[in-house]
Amino acid sequence: HYTKLFNELDKFLYKRFINSTESSIKSNPKLFWNFVKSRRACSAIRSALSWGDKSACTPGDISNLFAEFFQSNYVHDDGISSIHSANNFPYINFGTLCLSQDDIAKAISDIKSSPKLDLDGLKPVLIKNC
């Protein structure tokens, strides 16, 4: 529920910002070019990350630091994970919607590579290349 509200507010504020920038192009073109420069400089992936007394600067080290963080916050139960492996459950049932691994693989392969960020702040190519 909060995610939906956040996304709606985010879209509203972004549209308001764009409208304000568009309306001020003639009187203050510098605002437009500042916006363009900010969008070019924006990266969906952070260049550095810190957690506790550790820091990481390379993509691999950042990934490992994320993994360490999540591993420290979630308990892994080997008994359950071996029972619920993908091979034991080849279909996921969402009521009347039934998806196989092949359905999911095809949907992922059909994702178009786009430089635009999705609503979750990630580029679609990230899912496609995982």
Protein backbone atom coordinates (compact mmCIF):
# COMPACT_ATOMS: atom_id res chain seq x y z
CA HIS A 1 0.00 0.00 0.00
CA TYR A 2 2.76 2.47 0.94
CA THR A 3 4.77 1.53 -2.12
CA LYS A 4 1.84 2.45 -4.34
CA LEU A 5 1.40 5.79 -2.56
CA PHE A 6 5.12 6.49 -2.79
CA ASN A 7 5.18 5.71 -6.52
CA GLU A 8 2.16 7.94 -7.14
CA LEU A 9 3.73 10.80 -5.19
CA ASP A 10 7.06 10.26 -6.95
CA LYS A 11 5.39 10.44 -10.38
CA PHE A 12 3.39 13.53 -9.37
CA LEU A 13 6.46 15.39 -8.07
CA TYR A 14 8.52 14.42 -11.11
CA LYS A 15 5.79 15.63 -13.49
CA ARG A 16 5.51 18.87 -11.52
CA PHE A 17 9.27 19.35 -11.75
CA ILE A 18 9.27 18.67 -15.50
CA ASN A 19 6.36 21.07 -16.05
CA SER A 20 8.13 23.76 -14.02
CA THR A 21 11.36 23.24 -15.97
CA GLU A 22 9.51 23.32 -19.30
CA SER A 23 7.67 26.52 -18.41
CA SER A 24 10.89 28.27 -17.40
CA ILE A 25 13.00 27.26 -20.43
CA LYS A 26 12.56 30.60 -22.17
CA SER A 27 13.16 32.72 -19.10
CA ASN A 28 15.92 30.56 -17.59
CA PRO A 29 17.43 27.99 -20.01
CA LYS A 30 20.15 27.22 -17.47
CA LEU A 31 17.61 25.22 -15.40
CA PHE A 32 16.94 22.95 -18.36
CA TRP A 33 20.62 22.29 -19.00
CA ASN A 34 21.22 21.65 -15.30
CA PHE A 35 18.48 19.04 -15.47
CA VAL A 36 20.02 17.41 -18.56
CA LYS A 37 23.46 17.32 -16.92
CA SER A 38 22.04 15.84 -13.72
CA ARG A 39 20.32 13.04 -15.66
CA ARG A 40 23.52 12.19 -17.52
CA ALA A 41 25.53 12.05 -14.32
CA CYS A 42 22.99 9.88 -12.51
CA SER A 43 23.86 6.22 -12.07
CA ALA A 44 21.57 3.52 -10.77
CA ILE A 45 24.55 1.78 -9.18
CA ARG A 46 26.40 3.44 -6.34
CA SER A 47 30.13 3.98 -6.78
CA ALA A 48 30.92 3.33 -3.09
CA LEU A 49 29.18 1.74 -0.13
CA SER A 50 29.87 1.60 3.61
CA TRP A 51 28.44 -0.72 6.22
CA GLY A 52 29.68 -0.74 9.79
CA ASP A 53 33.46 -0.49 9.70
CA LYS A 54 33.69 -1.81 6.13
CA SER A 55 33.59 0.01 2.82
CA ALA A 56 33.58 -1.08 -0.81
CA CYS A 57 34.36 0.75 -4.04
CA THR A 58 34.31 -1.85 -6.81
CA PRO A 59 31.09 -3.47 -8.09
CA GLY A 60 32.26 -6.89 -6.88
CA ASP A 61 33.14 -5.62 -3.41
CA ILE A 62 29.83 -3.74 -3.19
CA SER A 63 27.96 -6.93 -4.11
CA ASN A 64 29.87 -8.89 -1.48
CA LEU A 65 29.15 -6.23 1.14
CA PHE A 66 25.43 -6.41 0.29
CA ALA A 67 25.59 -10.21 0.54
CA GLU A 68 27.30 -9.97 3.93
CA PHE A 69 24.68 -7.50 5.16
CA PHE A 70 21.74 -9.65 4.06
CA GLN A 71 23.37 -12.82 5.36
CA SER A 72 23.74 -11.21 8.78
CA ASN A 73 20.06 -10.21 8.84
CA TYR A 74 18.38 -13.38 7.58
CA VAL A 75 18.53 -16.90 8.91
CA HIS A 76 19.15 -19.57 6.28
CA ASP A 77 17.36 -22.84 7.03
CA ASP A 78 19.00 -25.65 5.03
CA GLY A 79 16.15 -28.07 5.80
CA ILE A 80 13.54 -25.89 4.17
CA SER A 81 15.64 -24.73 1.22
CA SER A 82 16.42 -28.27 0.08
CA ILE A 83 12.75 -29.27 0.26
CA HIS A 84 11.56 -26.18 -1.64
CA SER A 85 14.05 -26.22 -4.48
CA ALA A 86 12.97 -25.14 -7.96
CA ASN A 87 13.24 -28.73 -9.17
CA ASN A 88 10.66 -29.90 -6.62
CA PHE A 89 8.22 -27.13 -7.65
CA PRO A 90 8.39 -26.68 -11.44
CA TYR A 91 5.21 -24.53 -11.43
CA ILE A 92 4.26 -21.52 -9.35
CA ASN A 93 0.52 -21.19 -8.87
CA PHE A 94 -0.99 -17.74 -8.34
CA GLY A 95 -4.63 -18.76 -8.26
CA THR A 96 -5.63 -19.26 -11.89
CA LEU A 97 -2.26 -17.99 -13.15
CA CYS A 98 0.24 -20.82 -13.50
CA LEU A 99 3.84 -20.07 -14.48
CA SER A 100 6.55 -22.57 -15.34
CA GLN A 101 10.28 -21.93 -15.29
CA ASP A 102 10.15 -21.78 -19.09
CA ASP A 103 7.43 -19.09 -18.96
CA ILE A 104 9.57 -16.98 -16.64
CA ALA A 105 12.73 -17.54 -18.71
CA LYS A 106 10.90 -16.48 -21.89
CA ALA A 107 9.48 -13.36 -20.22
CA ILE A 108 12.95 -12.39 -19.01
CA SER A 109 14.47 -12.98 -22.45
CA ASP A 110 11.74 -10.76 -23.97
CA ILE A 111 12.68 -7.80 -21.74
CA LYS A 112 13.85 -4.93 -23.91
CA SER A 113 17.18 -3.40 -22.94
CA SER A 114 16.40 0.17 -21.99
CA PRO A 115 18.59 2.89 -20.48
CA LYS A 116 15.56 4.21 -18.57
CA LEU A 117 15.06 3.34 -14.92
CA ASP A 118 11.93 1.40 -14.04
CA LEU A 119 9.58 2.35 -11.17
CA ASP A 120 11.76 0.35 -8.77
CA GLY A 121 14.80 2.44 -9.74
CA LEU A 122 16.46 -0.39 -11.65
CA LYS A 123 17.20 -0.73 -15.34
CA PRO A 124 15.35 -3.62 -17.03
CA VAL A 125 18.65 -4.88 -18.42
CA LEU A 126 19.70 -5.76 -14.84
CA ILE A 127 16.99 -8.44 -14.63
CA LYS A 128 17.70 -9.63 -18.15
CA ASN A 129 21.43 -10.08 -17.49
CA CYS A 130 21.12 -11.82 -14.11
